[in-house]
Amino acid sequence: MFFQKKKILVVDDDQGMLKIIEARLKHANFDVELAQNGEEAMDAMSKKPPKLVLLDIVMPGMDGFQVLEMMKKSRKTKSIPVIMITSKADDQAVQRAITMGARDYIVKPFSPSVMLEKVRKEIGSR
């Protein structure tokens, strides 16, 4: 039987962070697509929606909150689960993200194994 890897879109303006997350997800047998800003993320999702989006908040141009808002307004992307991965650790940012529709919130620096556990929880059964 053919097994298709589940695609995860990782959105972060930090190249080093993208590489760390990409390596960990690929090692766990996920298909990974990278975007360095909100515009790239929306473009990637319009072509082929991923099973999950890992989304940074603090990015130049369109920030993660704006990306999340656009995703939730679009029929094509509104049901894609989003986990925020960000250095914004304040309660207000966490509450805003969850209220806007994010499924989970990971504060940088984070444990790669905790990230993987949250990813699997979100898309393990999809």
Protein backbone atom coordinates (compact mmCIF):
# COMPACT_ATOMS: atom_id res chain seq x y z
CA MET A 1 0.00 0.00 0.00
CA PHE A 2 1.25 3.47 -0.92
CA PHE A 3 1.84 5.77 2.04
CA GLN A 4 1.71 9.49 1.40
CA LYS A 5 3.54 11.71 3.87
CA LYS A 6 1.48 14.38 5.56
CA LYS A 7 2.51 17.88 4.46
CA ILE A 8 3.30 20.55 7.06
CA LEU A 9 3.85 24.19 6.13
CA VAL A 10 6.37 25.93 8.40
CA VAL A 11 6.26 29.75 8.34
CA ASP A 12 9.07 31.70 10.01
CA ASP A 13 11.33 34.57 8.93
CA ASP A 14 14.26 33.05 10.86
CA GLN A 15 16.21 30.81 8.45
CA GLY A 16 17.89 28.93 11.29
CA MET A 17 14.56 28.16 12.96
CA LEU A 18 13.13 26.94 9.64
CA LYS A 19 16.03 24.53 9.21
CA ILE A 20 15.75 23.18 12.77
CA ILE A 21 12.01 22.56 12.47
CA GLU A 22 12.36 21.15 8.94
CA ALA A 23 15.05 18.65 10.01
CA ARG A 24 13.02 17.44 12.97
CA LEU A 25 9.80 17.03 10.96
CA LYS A 26 11.52 15.30 8.04
CA HIS A 27 13.21 12.92 10.49
CA ALA A 28 9.71 12.11 11.78
CA ASN A 29 8.65 11.29 8.20
CA PHE A 30 6.59 14.39 7.39
CA ASP A 31 6.65 16.25 4.08
CA VAL A 32 7.77 19.81 4.87
CA GLU A 33 7.24 23.03 2.94
CA LEU A 34 8.88 26.26 4.10
CA ALA A 35 7.74 29.87 3.83
CA GLN A 36 9.73 32.86 5.10
CA ASN A 37 6.83 35.29 5.35
CA GLY A 38 3.06 35.57 5.34
CA GLU A 39 2.79 36.21 1.61
CA GLU A 40 4.78 33.05 0.78
CA ALA A 41 2.63 31.09 3.22
CA MET A 42 -0.67 32.20 1.66
CA ASP A 43 0.69 31.49 -1.82
CA ALA A 44 1.82 27.98 -0.81
CA MET A 45 -1.56 27.20 0.79
CA SER A 46 -3.46 28.37 -2.28
CA LYS A 47 -1.54 25.88 -4.44
CA LYS A 48 -1.78 22.80 -2.22
CA PRO A 49 -3.20 23.07 1.29
CA PRO A 50 -1.07 21.35 3.96
CA LYS A 51 -2.40 19.14 6.76
CA LEU A 52 -0.99 21.57 9.36
CA VAL A 53 0.64 25.00 9.56
CA LEU A 54 3.35 25.91 12.09
CA LEU A 55 3.18 29.70 12.16
CA ASP A 56 5.47 32.33 13.65
CA ILE A 57 3.85 35.58 14.79
CA VAL A 58 6.66 38.12 14.53
CA MET A 59 7.53 38.49 10.84
CA PRO A 60 8.12 41.49 8.58
CA GLY A 61 5.20 42.47 6.36
CA MET A 62 2.25 40.23 7.11
CA ASP A 63 2.57 38.91 10.67
CA GLY A 64 1.29 35.57 11.93
CA PHE A 65 -1.95 37.03 13.28
CA GLN A 66 -2.74 38.46 9.83
CA VAL A 67 -1.96 35.11 8.17
CA LEU A 68 -4.18 33.29 10.67
CA GLU A 69 -7.00 35.77 10.08
CA MET A 70 -6.75 35.37 6.29
CA MET A 71 -6.66 31.57 6.63
CA LYS A 72 -9.81 31.50 8.75
CA LYS A 73 -11.66 33.73 6.25
CA SER A 74 -10.86 31.50 3.26
CA ARG A 75 -13.00 28.46 2.46
CA LYS A 76 -9.91 26.65 1.17
CA THR A 77 -7.77 27.14 4.30
CA LYS A 78 -10.13 27.72 7.24
CA SER A 79 -10.12 24.08 8.37
CA ILE A 80 -6.31 23.69 8.32
CA PRO A 81 -5.08 23.39 11.93
CA VAL A 82 -2.52 26.01 12.99
CA ILE A 83 0.05 25.79 15.76
CA MET A 84 1.75 29.09 16.58
CA ILE A 85 5.51 28.82 17.21
CA THR A 86 6.75 32.16 18.47
CA SER A 87 8.89 34.05 20.94
CA LYS A 88 5.82 36.03 22.08
CA ALA A 89 5.20 34.45 25.47
CA ASP A 90 2.72 36.93 26.92
CA ASP A 91 -0.77 35.76 27.87
CA GLN A 92 -2.40 38.35 25.61
CA ALA A 93 -0.71 36.95 22.48
CA VAL A 94 -1.54 33.36 23.45
CA GLN A 95 -5.20 34.26 24.12
CA ARG A 96 -5.47 36.22 20.87
CA ALA A 97 -4.07 33.32 18.82
CA ILE A 98 -6.38 30.75 20.41
CA THR A 99 -9.40 33.05 20.06
CA MET A 100 -8.56 33.58 16.37
CA GLY A 101 -8.53 29.83 15.79
CA ALA A 102 -5.02 28.53 16.48
CA ARG A 103 -5.14 24.99 17.89
CA ASP A 104 -1.99 25.26 20.02
CA TYR A 105 0.83 27.63 20.97
CA ILE A 106 4.53 26.85 21.37
CA VAL A 107 6.93 29.42 22.86
CA LYS A 108 10.51 29.66 21.53
CA PRO A 109 12.90 28.30 22.57
CA PHE A 110 11.07 24.99 22.62
CA SER A 111 11.81 21.32 22.98
CA PRO A 112 11.77 19.60 19.56
CA SER A 113 10.15 16.54 21.12
CA VAL A 114 7.32 18.66 22.57
CA MET A 115 6.81 20.27 19.15
CA LEU A 116 6.64 16.84 17.52
CA GLU A 117 4.17 15.60 20.13
CA LYS A 118 1.87 18.58 19.45
CA VAL A 119 2.17 18.08 15.68
CA ARG A 120 1.28 14.41 15.96
CA LYS A 121 -1.64 15.25 18.25
CA GLU A 122 -3.05 17.60 15.61
CA ILE A 123 -2.59 15.50 12.48
CA GLY A 124 -1.99 12.00 13.71
CA SER A 125 -5.55 10.94 12.94
CA ARG A 126 -6.03 13.00 9.76
